[in-house]
Amino acid sequence: SVSVQSDIGGVCVCERCFLSMQSGTAEKRRQEHDRCIKWVKQAAHDHPGVKILLEALRKAGCPTKVGHRILCEPCPDGFQGGYDAVNKELVICENQVFSRSTAWNVLAHELVHTYDDCTAHVDWDNLEHWACSEVRAATLSGECSLGFSQLARAGFGLLPWKLRLAGLACSRRHAVRSLLSLQEQLSLKEAEQVVDKVVVRCYVDSSPFADIPPLHKHKTSRCWPLDEPKKKESANLIRTEDK
């Protein structure tokens, strides 16, 4: 069974196989753990997207906070975080996340998976369901926000439709990579075919946000409002309020 879902750095398939990972001195491990906890708490207080996701989870009956469904734990190389669909917990890899901004992005990403698992009928063994949640997580966490230098290298101006296309392409890449990291039997072509079935519909499913968060990471003053109560339909994730 699939226990952990993440496309940030990798996926752990066994029952929280990284729980026993220990490296370095006890003092170093304590410092890494304390640093991770500090960054997660800061995100819960200061990161607009994380705050909205936590509030949406609370309203949906899945309260999530540090120490309860949000854990900092050591992980193997190549992992930055994961969502444990069995124990309903998300993990930030304390020994693999080395900056506050990365920790915040990982937390937001895994909170989207948590929200999908809480509010939608997600079958994590269904590749289309999983791909849909990965597209949403990459889109809504800010992973695909672009800086000025990235836009210049890509040849994109600041036109909204060009930003949207860049964001869509980025979310697609993240989802394909995530599928390949877990399903070793999948070829690149097969993973792309699965993602392409859902990418457009899932990219525009911004729940619990009223809209997709800003794609330009320098526009930090623009906060993301909560979605107003309304029916949101997706071909792959059917939310509780849509039953």
Protein backbone atom coordinates (compact mmCIF):
# COMPACT_ATOMS: atom_id res chain seq x y z
CA SER A 1 0.00 0.00 0.00
CA VAL A 2 1.06 3.56 -0.57
CA SER A 3 1.83 5.21 2.76
CA VAL A 4 3.57 8.40 1.86
CA GLN A 5 2.88 10.74 -1.02
CA SER A 6 5.22 13.55 -2.00
CA ASP A 7 6.96 14.90 -5.03
CA ILE A 8 9.28 17.17 -3.08
CA GLY A 9 12.50 15.18 -3.11
CA GLY A 10 10.97 11.74 -3.28
CA VAL A 11 8.52 9.24 -1.88
CA CYS A 12 8.78 6.63 0.84
CA VAL A 13 6.52 3.67 0.14
CA CYS A 14 6.91 1.51 3.22
CA GLU A 15 5.18 2.09 6.54
CA ARG A 16 7.06 5.27 7.51
CA CYS A 17 10.36 3.57 6.68
CA PHE A 18 12.33 6.69 7.52
CA LEU A 19 11.27 6.72 11.18
CA SER A 20 14.38 4.78 12.13
CA MET A 21 16.75 6.98 10.14
CA GLN A 22 19.40 8.39 12.44
CA SER A 23 22.57 10.18 11.38
CA GLY A 24 25.04 12.49 13.03
CA THR A 25 25.48 13.21 16.69
CA ALA A 26 22.63 13.46 19.15
CA GLU A 27 23.26 17.19 19.44
CA LYS A 28 23.08 17.66 15.67
CA ARG A 29 19.83 15.68 15.49
CA ARG A 30 18.35 17.78 18.29
CA GLN A 31 19.33 21.00 16.52
CA GLU A 32 17.82 19.80 13.25
CA HIS A 33 14.60 18.81 15.00
CA ASP A 34 14.30 22.08 16.91
CA ARG A 35 15.00 24.09 13.75
CA CYS A 36 12.33 22.20 11.82
CA ILE A 37 9.75 22.71 14.57
CA LYS A 38 10.58 26.44 14.67
CA TRP A 39 10.12 26.81 10.91
CA VAL A 40 6.82 24.93 10.93
CA LYS A 41 5.47 27.07 13.76
CA GLN A 42 6.58 30.22 11.94
CA ALA A 43 4.77 29.05 8.81
CA ALA A 44 1.58 28.43 10.78
CA HIS A 45 1.79 32.01 12.03
CA ASP A 46 3.20 33.92 9.04
CA HIS A 47 2.65 32.01 5.77
CA PRO A 48 -0.71 33.06 4.24
CA GLY A 49 -1.19 29.84 2.28
CA VAL A 50 -0.33 27.58 5.21
CA LYS A 51 -2.69 29.55 7.47
CA ILE A 52 -5.55 29.11 5.00
CA LEU A 53 -4.89 25.39 4.60
CA LEU A 54 -4.77 24.85 8.38
CA GLU A 55 -8.02 26.76 8.86
CA ALA A 56 -9.69 24.84 6.03
CA LEU A 57 -8.60 21.54 7.59
CA ARG A 58 -9.98 22.63 10.95
CA LYS A 59 -13.33 23.54 9.41
CA ALA A 60 -13.39 20.21 7.53
CA GLY A 61 -13.00 18.27 10.77
CA CYS A 62 -9.31 17.41 10.34
CA PRO A 63 -7.49 19.75 12.74
CA THR A 64 -3.79 19.75 11.98
CA LYS A 65 -0.95 21.32 13.96
CA VAL A 66 2.63 20.71 15.02
CA GLY A 67 2.77 17.51 17.04
CA HIS A 68 -0.66 16.47 15.82
CA ARG A 69 -0.56 15.35 12.18
CA ILE A 70 2.49 17.54 11.45
CA LEU A 71 5.76 15.88 12.41
CA CYS A 72 9.45 16.68 11.97
CA GLU A 73 11.44 13.48 11.52
CA PRO A 74 14.74 12.34 10.00
CA CYS A 75 14.58 10.92 6.49
CA PRO A 76 16.93 9.25 3.99
CA ASP A 77 18.79 11.31 1.43
CA GLY A 78 16.55 12.52 -1.39
CA PHE A 79 13.45 13.08 0.75
CA GLN A 80 12.20 16.43 1.98
CA GLY A 81 8.72 15.50 3.10
CA GLY A 82 5.81 13.16 2.69
CA TYR A 83 2.18 12.49 3.48
CA ASP A 84 1.32 9.30 5.36
CA ALA A 85 -2.16 8.38 4.12
CA VAL A 86 -2.41 5.48 6.57
CA ASN A 87 -1.75 7.42 9.78
CA LYS A 88 -3.08 10.72 8.37
CA GLU A 89 0.16 12.53 9.19
CA LEU A 90 2.54 14.67 7.20
CA VAL A 91 6.28 14.64 7.71
CA ILE A 92 8.86 17.37 7.21
CA CYS A 93 12.32 15.84 6.84
CA GLU A 94 14.27 17.71 9.49
CA ASN A 95 17.68 16.51 8.28
CA GLN A 96 17.02 17.26 4.59
CA VAL A 97 15.39 20.71 4.75
CA PHE A 98 18.01 23.42 5.17
CA SER A 99 16.14 26.70 4.76
CA ARG A 100 12.96 28.22 6.09
CA SER A 101 11.58 28.85 2.60
CA THR A 102 12.05 25.19 1.66
CA ALA A 103 10.42 24.04 4.89
CA TRP A 104 7.45 26.32 4.22
CA ASN A 105 7.05 25.04 0.65
CA VAL A 106 7.26 21.41 1.80
CA LEU A 107 4.71 22.05 4.54
CA ALA A 108 2.28 23.77 2.16
CA HIS A 109 2.70 20.95 -0.38
CA GLU A 110 1.95 18.23 2.15
CA LEU A 111 -0.95 20.20 3.62
CA VAL A 112 -2.62 20.14 0.20
CA HIS A 113 -2.37 16.34 0.22
CA THR A 114 -3.76 16.36 3.76
CA TYR A 115 -6.64 18.57 2.68
CA ASP A 116 -7.42 16.37 -0.33
CA ASP A 117 -7.38 13.27 1.84
CA CYS A 118 -9.70 14.96 4.35
CA THR A 119 -12.25 16.49 1.97
CA ALA A 120 -12.21 14.31 -1.14
CA HIS A 121 -12.71 10.68 -1.98
CA VAL A 122 -9.06 9.99 -2.76
CA ASP A 123 -7.89 6.51 -3.64
CA TRP A 124 -4.11 6.80 -3.32
CA ASP A 125 -3.67 3.58 -5.29
CA ASN A 126 -5.43 5.23 -8.25
CA LEU A 127 -2.71 6.93 -10.26
CA GLU A 128 -5.06 9.57 -11.63
CA HIS A 129 -6.20 10.52 -8.12
CA TRP A 130 -2.62 10.70 -6.94
CA ALA A 131 -1.52 12.69 -10.00
CA CYS A 132 -4.37 15.13 -9.45
CA SER A 133 -3.35 15.77 -5.85
CA GLU A 134 0.28 16.21 -6.92
CA VAL A 135 -0.73 18.78 -9.54
CA ARG A 136 -2.74 20.66 -6.92
CA ALA A 137 0.03 20.46 -4.33
CA ALA A 138 2.63 21.85 -6.72
CA THR A 139 0.24 24.59 -7.84
CA LEU A 140 -1.08 25.70 -4.46
CA SER A 141 2.09 25.39 -2.37
CA GLY A 142 4.03 28.05 -4.26
CA GLU A 143 6.58 25.59 -5.65
CA CYS A 144 5.81 26.79 -9.15
CA SER A 145 6.02 30.51 -8.41
CA LEU A 146 8.57 32.18 -10.68
CA GLY A 147 11.13 34.87 -9.98
CA PHE A 148 12.22 37.61 -12.33
CA SER A 149 15.36 35.74 -13.42
CA GLN A 150 13.42 32.54 -14.12
CA LEU A 151 10.89 34.46 -16.19
CA ALA A 152 13.66 36.12 -18.16
CA ARG A 153 15.43 32.83 -18.87
CA ALA A 154 12.15 31.25 -19.96
CA GLY A 155 11.36 34.18 -22.22
CA PHE A 156 8.10 34.96 -20.42
CA GLY A 157 6.86 38.47 -19.87
CA LEU A 158 4.50 39.38 -17.07
CA LEU A 159 1.30 38.68 -19.00
CA PRO A 160 -1.08 36.67 -16.78
CA TRP A 161 -1.81 34.00 -19.39
CA LYS A 162 1.91 33.39 -19.89
CA LEU A 163 2.38 33.02 -16.15
CA ARG A 164 -0.49 30.54 -16.06
CA LEU A 165 1.05 28.48 -18.84
CA ALA A 166 4.39 28.46 -17.04
CA GLY A 167 2.68 27.40 -13.81
CA LEU A 168 0.73 24.64 -15.55
CA ALA A 169 3.90 23.26 -17.14
CA CYS A 170 5.70 23.34 -13.79
CA SER A 171 2.87 21.53 -11.98
CA ARG A 172 2.80 18.91 -14.72
CA ARG A 173 6.54 18.27 -14.32
CA HIS A 174 6.20 17.87 -10.55
CA ALA A 175 3.36 15.38 -10.91
CA VAL A 176 5.18 13.31 -13.53
CA ARG A 177 8.31 13.19 -11.38
CA SER A 178 6.29 12.10 -8.36
CA LEU A 179 4.62 9.24 -10.21
CA LEU A 180 7.95 8.04 -11.53
CA SER A 181 9.53 8.17 -8.07
CA LEU A 182 6.99 5.73 -6.64
CA GLN A 183 5.86 3.59 -9.55
CA GLU A 184 9.12 2.16 -10.80
CA GLN A 185 7.33 0.06 -13.39
CA LEU A 186 5.95 3.17 -15.10
CA SER A 187 7.75 4.54 -18.10
CA LEU A 188 8.12 8.27 -18.59
CA LYS A 189 5.54 8.12 -21.38
CA GLU A 190 3.04 6.26 -19.21
CA ALA A 191 3.47 8.71 -16.33
CA GLU A 192 2.98 11.64 -18.69
CA GLN A 193 -0.18 10.06 -20.09
CA VAL A 194 -1.66 9.67 -16.59
CA VAL A 195 -0.85 13.25 -15.65
CA ASP A 196 -2.08 14.66 -18.94
CA LYS A 197 -5.52 13.14 -18.30
CA VAL A 198 -5.99 15.28 -15.19
CA VAL A 199 -3.55 18.18 -15.27
CA VAL A 200 -5.79 20.95 -16.64
CA ARG A 201 -8.83 20.12 -14.52
CA CYS A 202 -6.79 19.66 -11.36
CA TYR A 203 -4.67 22.75 -11.98
CA VAL A 204 -7.75 24.97 -11.87
CA ASP A 205 -9.19 23.24 -8.77
CA SER A 206 -7.90 25.78 -6.26
CA SER A 207 -9.88 24.59 -3.22
CA PRO A 208 -9.63 25.75 -0.42
CA PHE A 209 -8.37 28.95 -2.05
CA ALA A 210 -10.65 31.22 -4.04
CA ASP A 211 -8.06 31.24 -6.82
CA ILE A 212 -4.64 29.85 -7.65
CA PRO A 213 -2.04 31.59 -5.46
CA PRO A 214 0.15 34.23 -7.15
CA LEU A 215 2.47 32.72 -9.72
CA HIS A 216 4.92 35.58 -9.36
CA LYS A 217 6.71 35.01 -6.06
CA HIS A 218 7.63 38.69 -5.73
CA LYS A 219 3.95 39.64 -5.38
CA THR A 220 3.89 38.57 -1.75
CA SER A 221 1.46 41.27 -0.68
CA ARG A 222 -1.39 39.56 -2.49
CA CYS A 223 -2.99 37.21 0.02
CA TRP A 224 -5.06 34.20 -0.97
CA PRO A 225 -8.66 34.38 0.27
CA LEU A 226 -10.56 31.36 1.45
CA ASP A 227 -12.93 29.85 -1.06
CA GLU A 228 -16.54 30.86 -0.65
CA PRO A 229 -18.92 27.96 -0.02
CA LYS A 230 -19.82 26.63 -3.43
CA LYS A 231 -19.71 23.41 -5.34
CA LYS A 232 -16.33 22.61 -6.86
CA GLU A 233 -16.19 19.67 -9.20
CA SER A 234 -13.20 17.70 -10.35
CA ALA A 235 -13.07 14.69 -12.60
CA ASN A 236 -10.78 12.97 -10.13
CA LEU A 237 -11.36 14.37 -6.65
CA ILE A 238 -14.97 14.61 -5.46
CA ARG A 239 -15.07 16.79 -2.39
CA THR A 240 -17.29 16.11 0.60
CA GLU A 241 -19.53 19.10 -0.07
CA ASP A 242 -20.17 17.81 -3.60
CA LYS A 243 -21.66 14.48 -2.52
